[in-house]
Amino acid sequence: MLNITFAPKLSGTVLMLIRILLIALFFATWRLLHRKKRTHAKNLAFTFMVVNLAFLIVSFSTPDLWNLNLESAKGIALAKLSDGFIISLVLIFSFLIGGYKLKNLYLTKGRLTISLIIGFLTFILMGYIAINNLEQPIKSGFISKNLVWIFIFIFSNAFMEELLFRGIFLKQLTSFFHPVWAIILTSVVFAAAHLQATYTPDVLFLAGIVLILGIIWGFIMHYTRSILATVLFHAGADLMIIIPAFSAFDVSG
């Protein structure tokens, strides 16, 4: 909520100071709970600490640093790739250094066959709907010209968000709540994070859709025990946003 929803409303300096304070607070809490052998609470404190650490580190990676043009599909895609790669890398390595296993983050094959079936079918369905959106027809040659950048954007965003909102939290929260409530809680936060979206005039409607999708993806991740299906499904859903957005604003390649 702090790092995404409210971040645009705070100055860079204030946001950085809050993140540093939260990292210190959750680190101290993590160590205290570790000594008291409060395993589940310790794990949750660690998770909050690394989330703030990831956003602190990624805040130094700006489009200007990489000389990216955010008025082009290439620039937008590479900016998303940069953010997604750094956040995901910090989260994964932090958990590994902290002694956790990748399966704790749903980074495992899980129920591989059903994951692939769900993932590819939903990705294809979402892509078909996005390409055949009659309200925002796509110009001739747009897809072929921007396909690489579209794919870089959607998969960078999908993996990062699934890891951030569900992968690192679901197992932690199911130690405190029934899985249904853990899924709903992560979905509410996921929906709230989209209240700062600028690519739609009706953010409340978007947040409602995101809430429903978040619940569906949470159940899929919990059932398949893997992030794979939800990343593919999420990437397909992002096609429904990024293709019309790129096309409407005539973002060049």
C-alpha atoms as a PDB file:
ATOM      1  CA  MET A   1       0.000   0.000   0.000  1.00  0.00           C
ATOM      2  CA  LEU A   2       2.807   2.411   0.905  1.00  0.00           C
ATOM      3  CA  ASN A   3       5.169   1.471  -1.887  1.00  0.00           C
ATOM      4  CA  ILE A   4       2.609   1.525  -4.709  1.00  0.00           C
ATOM      5  CA  THR A   5      -0.748   3.076  -3.796  1.00  0.00           C
ATOM      6  CA  PHE A   6       0.478   6.077  -1.803  1.00  0.00           C
ATOM      7  CA  ALA A   7       3.958   6.426  -3.320  1.00  0.00           C
ATOM      8  CA  PRO A   8       2.905   8.974  -6.009  1.00  0.00           C
ATOM      9  CA  LYS A   9       1.491  11.241  -3.292  1.00  0.00           C
ATOM     10  CA  LEU A  10       4.778  11.435  -1.348  1.00  0.00           C
ATOM     11  CA  SER A  11       8.003  13.189  -2.246  1.00  0.00           C
ATOM     12  CA  GLY A  12      10.938  10.995  -3.155  1.00  0.00           C
ATOM     13  CA  THR A  13      12.898  11.992  -0.050  1.00  0.00           C
ATOM     14  CA  VAL A  14      10.014  11.346   2.345  1.00  0.00           C
ATOM     15  CA  LEU A  15       9.245   8.017   0.727  1.00  0.00           C
ATOM     16  CA  MET A  16      12.888   6.950   0.947  1.00  0.00           C
ATOM     17  CA  LEU A  17      13.078   7.853   4.638  1.00  0.00           C
ATOM     18  CA  ILE A  18       9.868   5.945   5.396  1.00  0.00           C
ATOM     19  CA  ARG A  19      11.199   2.885   3.567  1.00  0.00           C
ATOM     20  CA  ILE A  20      14.487   2.995   5.474  1.00  0.00           C
ATOM     21  CA  LEU A  21      12.637   3.326   8.787  1.00  0.00           C
ATOM     22  CA  LEU A  22      10.355   0.418   7.914  1.00  0.00           C
ATOM     23  CA  ILE A  23      13.300  -1.751   6.904  1.00  0.00           C
ATOM     24  CA  ALA A  24      14.965  -1.033  10.257  1.00  0.00           C
ATOM     25  CA  LEU A  25      11.711  -1.615  12.156  1.00  0.00           C
ATOM     26  CA  PHE A  26      10.897  -4.920  10.488  1.00  0.00           C
ATOM     27  CA  PHE A  27      14.509  -6.102  10.742  1.00  0.00           C
ATOM     28  CA  ALA A  28      14.464  -5.461  14.496  1.00  0.00           C
ATOM     29  CA  THR A  29      11.058  -7.163  14.757  1.00  0.00           C
ATOM     30  CA  TRP A  30      12.299 -10.132  12.737  1.00  0.00           C
ATOM     31  CA  ARG A  31      15.333 -10.614  14.997  1.00  0.00           C
ATOM     32  CA  LEU A  32      13.251 -10.213  18.175  1.00  0.00           C
ATOM     33  CA  LEU A  33      10.651 -12.747  17.022  1.00  0.00           C
ATOM     34  CA  HIS A  34      13.445 -15.087  15.967  1.00  0.00           C
ATOM     35  CA  ARG A  35      14.872 -15.058  19.489  1.00  0.00           C
ATOM     36  CA  LYS A  36      11.413 -15.657  20.923  1.00  0.00           C
ATOM     37  CA  LYS A  37      10.922 -18.525  18.431  1.00  0.00           C
ATOM     38  CA  ARG A  38       7.739 -16.997  17.035  1.00  0.00           C
ATOM     39  CA  THR A  39       8.268 -18.613  13.644  1.00  0.00           C
ATOM     40  CA  HIS A  40       5.161 -17.504  11.753  1.00  0.00           C
ATOM     41  CA  ALA A  41       5.279 -13.909  12.968  1.00  0.00           C
ATOM     42  CA  LYS A  42       9.024 -13.824  12.283  1.00  0.00           C
ATOM     43  CA  ASN A  43       8.449 -14.932   8.688  1.00  0.00           C
ATOM     44  CA  LEU A  44       5.844 -12.219   8.128  1.00  0.00           C
ATOM     45  CA  ALA A  45       8.135  -9.521   9.560  1.00  0.00           C
ATOM     46  CA  PHE A  46      10.911 -10.719   7.258  1.00  0.00           C
ATOM     47  CA  THR A  47       8.556 -10.516   4.281  1.00  0.00           C
ATOM     48  CA  PHE A  48       7.596  -6.912   5.029  1.00  0.00           C
ATOM     49  CA  MET A  49      11.254  -6.034   5.476  1.00  0.00           C
ATOM     50  CA  VAL A  50      12.329  -7.378   2.073  1.00  0.00           C
ATOM     51  CA  VAL A  51       9.376  -5.740   0.301  1.00  0.00           C
ATOM     52  CA  ASN A  52      10.516  -2.337   1.516  1.00  0.00           C
ATOM     53  CA  LEU A  53      14.141  -3.210   0.717  1.00  0.00           C
ATOM     54  CA  ALA A  54      13.177  -4.129  -2.856  1.00  0.00           C
ATOM     55  CA  PHE A  55      11.317  -0.868  -3.414  1.00  0.00           C
ATOM     56  CA  LEU A  56      14.121   1.144  -1.846  1.00  0.00           C
ATOM     57  CA  ILE A  57      16.673  -0.390  -4.199  1.00  0.00           C
ATOM     58  CA  VAL A  58      14.490  -0.105  -7.300  1.00  0.00           C
ATOM     59  CA  SER A  59      13.866   3.590  -6.568  1.00  0.00           C
ATOM     60  CA  PHE A  60      17.423   4.289  -7.752  1.00  0.00           C
ATOM     61  CA  SER A  61      16.711   2.651 -11.110  1.00  0.00           C
ATOM     62  CA  THR A  62      15.081   5.466 -13.085  1.00  0.00           C
ATOM     63  CA  PRO A  63      14.358   5.764 -16.817  1.00  0.00           C
ATOM     64  CA  ASP A  64      16.921   8.579 -16.954  1.00  0.00           C
ATOM     65  CA  LEU A  65      19.556   6.264 -15.497  1.00  0.00           C
ATOM     66  CA  TRP A  66      19.045   3.835 -18.374  1.00  0.00           C
ATOM     67  CA  ASN A  67      18.391   6.643 -20.889  1.00  0.00           C
ATOM     68  CA  LEU A  68      14.937   5.292 -21.740  1.00  0.00           C
ATOM     69  CA  ASN A  69      12.326   7.137 -23.778  1.00  0.00           C
ATOM     70  CA  LEU A  70       8.974   6.579 -22.093  1.00  0.00           C
ATOM     71  CA  GLU A  71       7.141   7.802 -25.190  1.00  0.00           C
ATOM     72  CA  SER A  72       8.108   4.643 -27.066  1.00  0.00           C
ATOM     73  CA  ALA A  73       7.035   1.018 -26.672  1.00  0.00           C
ATOM     74  CA  LYS A  74      10.680   0.028 -26.289  1.00  0.00           C
ATOM     75  CA  GLY A  75      11.290   2.537 -23.501  1.00  0.00           C
ATOM     76  CA  ILE A  76       8.135   1.621 -21.591  1.00  0.00           C
ATOM     77  CA  ALA A  77       8.846  -2.108 -21.895  1.00  0.00           C
ATOM     78  CA  LEU A  78      12.485  -1.815 -20.816  1.00  0.00           C
ATOM     79  CA  ALA A  79      11.527   0.411 -17.871  1.00  0.00           C
ATOM     80  CA  LYS A  80       9.054  -2.259 -16.736  1.00  0.00           C
ATOM     81  CA  LEU A  81      11.683  -4.970 -17.294  1.00  0.00           C
ATOM     82  CA  SER A  82      14.174  -3.031 -15.180  1.00  0.00           C
ATOM     83  CA  ASP A  83      11.726  -2.514 -12.308  1.00  0.00           C
ATOM     84  CA  GLY A  84      10.383  -6.059 -12.445  1.00  0.00           C
ATOM     85  CA  PHE A  85      13.829  -7.649 -12.626  1.00  0.00           C
ATOM     86  CA  ILE A  86      15.278  -5.645  -9.727  1.00  0.00           C
ATOM     87  CA  ILE A  87      12.271  -6.102  -7.420  1.00  0.00           C
ATOM     88  CA  SER A  88      11.998  -9.820  -8.177  1.00  0.00           C
ATOM     89  CA  LEU A  89      15.749 -10.371  -7.806  1.00  0.00           C
ATOM     90  CA  VAL A  90      15.887  -8.603  -4.443  1.00  0.00           C
ATOM     91  CA  LEU A  91      12.884 -10.560  -3.153  1.00  0.00           C
ATOM     92  CA  ILE A  92      14.177 -13.943  -4.295  1.00  0.00           C
ATOM     93  CA  PHE A  93      17.760 -13.482  -3.108  1.00  0.00           C
ATOM     94  CA  SER A  94      16.629 -12.031   0.209  1.00  0.00           C
ATOM     95  CA  PHE A  95      14.481 -15.073   0.915  1.00  0.00           C
ATOM     96  CA  LEU A  96      17.254 -17.453  -0.138  1.00  0.00           C
ATOM     97  CA  ILE A  97      19.784 -15.641   2.071  1.00  0.00           C
ATOM     98  CA  GLY A  98      17.224 -15.723   4.891  1.00  0.00           C
ATOM     99  CA  GLY A  99      17.148 -19.521   4.679  1.00  0.00           C
ATOM    100  CA  TYR A 100      13.844 -19.928   2.863  1.00  0.00           C
ATOM    101  CA  LYS A 101      13.243 -22.274  -0.056  1.00  0.00           C
ATOM    102  CA  LEU A 102      11.914 -21.304  -3.476  1.00  0.00           C
ATOM    103  CA  LYS A 103       8.797 -23.397  -2.901  1.00  0.00           C
ATOM    104  CA  ASN A 104       7.900 -20.984  -0.085  1.00  0.00           C
ATOM    105  CA  LEU A 105       7.514 -18.366  -2.844  1.00  0.00           C
ATOM    106  CA  TYR A 106       5.619 -20.761  -5.143  1.00  0.00           C
ATOM    107  CA  LEU A 107       8.666 -20.793  -7.430  1.00  0.00           C
ATOM    108  CA  THR A 108       8.285 -24.491  -8.136  1.00  0.00           C
ATOM    109  CA  LYS A 109       6.649 -26.615 -10.809  1.00  0.00           C
ATOM    110  CA  GLY A 110       3.840 -27.678  -8.455  1.00  0.00           C
ATOM    111  CA  ARG A 111       1.008 -29.278 -10.401  1.00  0.00           C
ATOM    112  CA  LEU A 112       2.775 -28.647 -13.686  1.00  0.00           C
ATOM    113  CA  THR A 113       0.281 -30.105 -16.177  1.00  0.00           C
ATOM    114  CA  ILE A 114      -2.763 -28.300 -14.820  1.00  0.00           C
ATOM    115  CA  SER A 115      -0.690 -25.113 -14.447  1.00  0.00           C
ATOM    116  CA  LEU A 116       0.274 -25.195 -18.126  1.00  0.00           C
ATOM    117  CA  ILE A 117      -3.283 -25.937 -19.238  1.00  0.00           C
ATOM    118  CA  ILE A 118      -4.791 -23.119 -17.151  1.00  0.00           C
ATOM    119  CA  GLY A 119      -1.989 -20.712 -18.015  1.00  0.00           C
ATOM    120  CA  PHE A 120      -1.902 -21.149 -21.772  1.00  0.00           C
ATOM    121  CA  LEU A 121      -5.675 -21.344 -22.232  1.00  0.00           C
ATOM    122  CA  THR A 122      -6.287 -18.145 -20.276  1.00  0.00           C
ATOM    123  CA  PHE A 123      -3.362 -16.368 -21.955  1.00  0.00           C
ATOM    124  CA  ILE A 124      -4.714 -17.217 -25.410  1.00  0.00           C
ATOM    125  CA  LEU A 125      -8.270 -16.212 -24.418  1.00  0.00           C
ATOM    126  CA  MET A 126      -7.161 -12.860 -23.003  1.00  0.00           C
ATOM    127  CA  GLY A 127      -4.974 -12.206 -26.038  1.00  0.00           C
ATOM    128  CA  TYR A 128      -7.838 -12.962 -28.422  1.00  0.00           C
ATOM    129  CA  ILE A 129     -10.133 -10.572 -26.566  1.00  0.00           C
ATOM    130  CA  ALA A 130      -7.471  -7.851 -26.518  1.00  0.00           C
ATOM    131  CA  ILE A 131      -6.717  -8.103 -30.236  1.00  0.00           C
ATOM    132  CA  ASN A 132     -10.398  -8.199 -31.188  1.00  0.00           C
ATOM    133  CA  ASN A 133     -11.481  -5.298 -28.995  1.00  0.00           C
ATOM    134  CA  LEU A 134     -14.053  -3.572 -31.205  1.00  0.00           C
ATOM    135  CA  GLU A 135     -14.083  -0.416 -29.066  1.00  0.00           C
ATOM    136  CA  GLN A 136     -10.384   0.212 -29.764  1.00  0.00           C
ATOM    137  CA  PRO A 137      -9.506  -1.275 -33.162  1.00  0.00           C
ATOM    138  CA  ILE A 138      -5.796  -1.932 -33.687  1.00  0.00           C
ATOM    139  CA  LYS A 139      -3.973  -0.350 -36.603  1.00  0.00           C
ATOM    140  CA  SER A 140      -2.561  -2.575 -39.320  1.00  0.00           C
ATOM    141  CA  GLY A 141       0.944  -3.773 -38.492  1.00  0.00           C
ATOM    142  CA  PHE A 142       0.789  -2.577 -34.871  1.00  0.00           C
ATOM    143  CA  ILE A 143       1.126  -6.028 -33.282  1.00  0.00           C
ATOM    144  CA  SER A 144       4.022  -7.205 -35.447  1.00  0.00           C
ATOM    145  CA  LYS A 145       5.871  -3.923 -34.925  1.00  0.00           C
ATOM    146  CA  ASN A 146       5.529  -3.923 -31.145  1.00  0.00           C
ATOM    147  CA  LEU A 147       5.219  -7.645 -30.328  1.00  0.00           C
ATOM    148  CA  VAL A 148       8.625  -7.976 -28.629  1.00  0.00           C
ATOM    149  CA  TRP A 149       8.067  -4.913 -26.436  1.00  0.00           C
ATOM    150  CA  ILE A 150       4.514  -5.986 -25.566  1.00  0.00           C
ATOM    151  CA  PHE A 151       5.736  -9.414 -24.456  1.00  0.00           C
ATOM    152  CA  ILE A 152       8.630  -7.956 -22.444  1.00  0.00           C
ATOM    153  CA  PHE A 153       6.212  -5.621 -20.666  1.00  0.00           C
ATOM    154  CA  ILE A 154       3.479  -8.114 -19.833  1.00  0.00           C
ATOM    155  CA  PHE A 155       5.719 -10.934 -18.619  1.00  0.00           C
ATOM    156  CA  SER A 156       7.969  -8.605 -16.603  1.00  0.00           C
ATOM    157  CA  ASN A 157       4.937  -7.085 -14.922  1.00  0.00           C
ATOM    158  CA  ALA A 158       3.070 -10.366 -14.437  1.00  0.00           C
ATOM    159  CA  PHE A 159       5.968 -12.195 -12.802  1.00  0.00           C
ATOM    160  CA  MET A 160       6.866  -9.282 -10.542  1.00  0.00           C
ATOM    161  CA  GLU A 161       3.291  -8.668  -9.377  1.00  0.00           C
ATOM    162  CA  GLU A 162       2.481 -12.343  -8.833  1.00  0.00           C
ATOM    163  CA  LEU A 163       5.644 -12.776  -6.787  1.00  0.00           C
ATOM    164  CA  LEU A 164       5.078  -9.547  -4.859  1.00  0.00           C
ATOM    165  CA  PHE A 165       1.365  -9.783  -4.096  1.00  0.00           C
ATOM    166  CA  ARG A 166       0.873 -13.542  -3.809  1.00  0.00           C
ATOM    167  CA  GLY A 167       4.104 -15.534  -4.060  1.00  0.00           C
ATOM    168  CA  ILE A 168       5.797 -14.124  -0.981  1.00  0.00           C
ATOM    169  CA  PHE A 169       2.661 -13.573   1.100  1.00  0.00           C
ATOM    170  CA  LEU A 170       0.210 -16.446   0.656  1.00  0.00           C
ATOM    171  CA  LYS A 171       2.151 -19.060   2.603  1.00  0.00           C
ATOM    172  CA  GLN A 172       2.971 -16.528   5.314  1.00  0.00           C
ATOM    173  CA  LEU A 173      -0.647 -15.463   5.734  1.00  0.00           C
ATOM    174  CA  THR A 174      -2.065 -18.997   5.712  1.00  0.00           C
ATOM    175  CA  SER A 175      -0.137 -19.486   8.958  1.00  0.00           C
ATOM    176  CA  PHE A 176      -2.525 -16.951  10.518  1.00  0.00           C
ATOM    177  CA  PHE A 177      -5.718 -17.301   8.478  1.00  0.00           C
ATOM    178  CA  HIS A 178      -7.679 -19.857   6.510  1.00  0.00           C
ATOM    179  CA  PRO A 179      -6.376 -19.891   2.893  1.00  0.00           C
ATOM    180  CA  VAL A 180      -9.607 -18.252   1.687  1.00  0.00           C
ATOM    181  CA  TRP A 181      -9.028 -15.225   3.914  1.00  0.00           C
ATOM    182  CA  ALA A 182      -5.354 -15.072   2.984  1.00  0.00           C
ATOM    183  CA  ILE A 183      -6.334 -14.999  -0.690  1.00  0.00           C
ATOM    184  CA  ILE A 184      -8.966 -12.301  -0.107  1.00  0.00           C
ATOM    185  CA  LEU A 185      -6.561 -10.171   1.925  1.00  0.00           C
ATOM    186  CA  THR A 186      -3.819 -10.288  -0.721  1.00  0.00           C
ATOM    187  CA  SER A 187      -6.432  -9.547  -3.395  1.00  0.00           C
ATOM    188  CA  VAL A 188      -7.694  -6.454  -1.559  1.00  0.00           C
ATOM    189  CA  VAL A 189      -4.143  -5.095  -1.312  1.00  0.00           C
ATOM    190  CA  PHE A 190      -3.554  -5.997  -4.968  1.00  0.00           C
ATOM    191  CA  ALA A 191      -6.699  -4.104  -5.995  1.00  0.00           C
ATOM    192  CA  ALA A 192      -5.793  -1.100  -3.823  1.00  0.00           C
ATOM    193  CA  ALA A 193      -2.408  -0.907  -5.531  1.00  0.00           C
ATOM    194  CA  HIS A 194      -4.214  -0.229  -8.820  1.00  0.00           C
ATOM    195  CA  LEU A 195      -6.078   2.798  -7.486  1.00  0.00           C
ATOM    196  CA  GLN A 196      -3.168   4.951  -8.681  1.00  0.00           C
ATOM    197  CA  ALA A 197      -3.545   3.728 -12.289  1.00  0.00           C
ATOM    198  CA  THR A 198      -3.557   6.520 -14.881  1.00  0.00           C
ATOM    199  CA  TYR A 199      -4.407   4.464 -17.976  1.00  0.00           C
ATOM    200  CA  THR A 200      -8.162   4.407 -17.269  1.00  0.00           C
ATOM    201  CA  PRO A 201     -10.662   7.115 -16.296  1.00  0.00           C
ATOM    202  CA  ASP A 202     -12.566   4.722 -14.007  1.00  0.00           C
ATOM    203  CA  VAL A 203     -10.050   3.434 -11.460  1.00  0.00           C
ATOM    204  CA  LEU A 204     -12.770   2.096  -9.144  1.00  0.00           C
ATOM    205  CA  PHE A 205     -14.093  -0.161 -11.882  1.00  0.00           C
ATOM    206  CA  LEU A 206     -10.538  -1.275 -12.636  1.00  0.00           C
ATOM    207  CA  ALA A 207      -9.889  -1.974  -8.950  1.00  0.00           C
ATOM    208  CA  GLY A 208     -13.067  -4.077  -8.811  1.00  0.00           C
ATOM    209  CA  ILE A 209     -11.961  -6.162 -11.800  1.00  0.00           C
ATOM    210  CA  VAL A 210      -8.464  -6.509 -10.314  1.00  0.00           C
ATOM    211  CA  LEU A 211      -9.970  -7.638  -7.002  1.00  0.00           C
ATOM    212  CA  ILE A 212     -11.903 -10.422  -8.730  1.00  0.00           C
ATOM    213  CA  LEU A 213      -8.863 -11.465 -10.780  1.00  0.00           C
ATOM    214  CA  GLY A 214      -6.688 -11.379  -7.668  1.00  0.00           C
ATOM    215  CA  ILE A 215      -9.038 -13.798  -5.902  1.00  0.00           C
ATOM    216  CA  ILE A 216      -9.074 -16.117  -8.919  1.00  0.00           C
ATOM    217  CA  TRP A 217      -5.276 -16.016  -9.219  1.00  0.00           C
ATOM    218  CA  GLY A 218      -4.903 -16.612  -5.496  1.00  0.00           C
ATOM    219  CA  PHE A 219      -7.006 -19.773  -5.658  1.00  0.00           C
ATOM    220  CA  ILE A 220      -5.125 -20.943  -8.751  1.00  0.00           C
ATOM    221  CA  MET A 221      -1.744 -20.416  -7.081  1.00  0.00           C
ATOM    222  CA  HIS A 222      -2.903 -22.126  -3.913  1.00  0.00           C
ATOM    223  CA  TYR A 223      -4.305 -25.084  -5.869  1.00  0.00           C
ATOM    224  CA  THR A 224      -1.413 -25.551  -8.320  1.00  0.00           C
ATOM    225  CA  ARG A 225       1.238 -24.727  -5.679  1.00  0.00           C
ATOM    226  CA  SER A 226       3.082 -22.790  -8.357  1.00  0.00           C
ATOM    227  CA  ILE A 227       3.358 -19.261  -9.730  1.00  0.00           C
ATOM    228  CA  LEU A 228       3.398 -20.505 -13.345  1.00  0.00           C
ATOM    229  CA  ALA A 229      -0.312 -20.529 -14.200  1.00  0.00           C
ATOM    230  CA  THR A 230      -1.008 -17.176 -12.582  1.00  0.00           C
ATOM    231  CA  VAL A 231       1.915 -15.502 -14.385  1.00  0.00           C
ATOM    232  CA  LEU A 232       0.562 -16.668 -17.758  1.00  0.00           C
ATOM    233  CA  PHE A 233      -3.021 -15.727 -16.848  1.00  0.00           C
ATOM    234  CA  HIS A 234      -1.849 -12.354 -15.501  1.00  0.00           C
ATOM    235  CA  ALA A 235       0.244 -11.672 -18.610  1.00  0.00           C
ATOM    236  CA  GLY A 236      -2.783 -12.413 -20.772  1.00  0.00           C
ATOM    237  CA  ALA A 237      -4.906 -10.027 -18.723  1.00  0.00           C
ATOM    238  CA  ASP A 238      -2.231  -7.346 -19.122  1.00  0.00           C
ATOM    239  CA  LEU A 239      -2.561  -7.737 -22.892  1.00  0.00           C
ATOM    240  CA  MET A 240      -6.077  -6.362 -22.523  1.00  0.00           C
ATOM    241  CA  ILE A 241      -4.582  -3.198 -21.036  1.00  0.00           C
ATOM    242  CA  ILE A 242      -1.281  -2.724 -22.819  1.00  0.00           C
ATOM    243  CA  ILE A 243      -2.396  -3.401 -26.410  1.00  0.00           C
ATOM    244  CA  PRO A 244      -5.263  -0.862 -26.348  1.00  0.00           C
ATOM    245  CA  ALA A 245      -3.084   1.578 -24.366  1.00  0.00           C
ATOM    246  CA  PHE A 246      -0.171   1.382 -26.784  1.00  0.00           C
ATOM    247  CA  SER A 247      -2.546   1.572 -29.738  1.00  0.00           C
ATOM    248  CA  ALA A 248      -4.648   4.458 -28.391  1.00  0.00           C
ATOM    249  CA  PHE A 249      -1.622   6.600 -27.570  1.00  0.00           C
ATOM    250  CA  ASP A 250       0.078   5.548 -30.814  1.00  0.00           C
ATOM    251  CA  VAL A 251       3.219   4.478 -28.950  1.00  0.00           C
ATOM    252  CA  SER A 252       5.892   3.825 -31.524  1.00  0.00           C
ATOM    253  CA  GLY A 253       8.393   0.955 -31.468  1.00  0.00           C
END
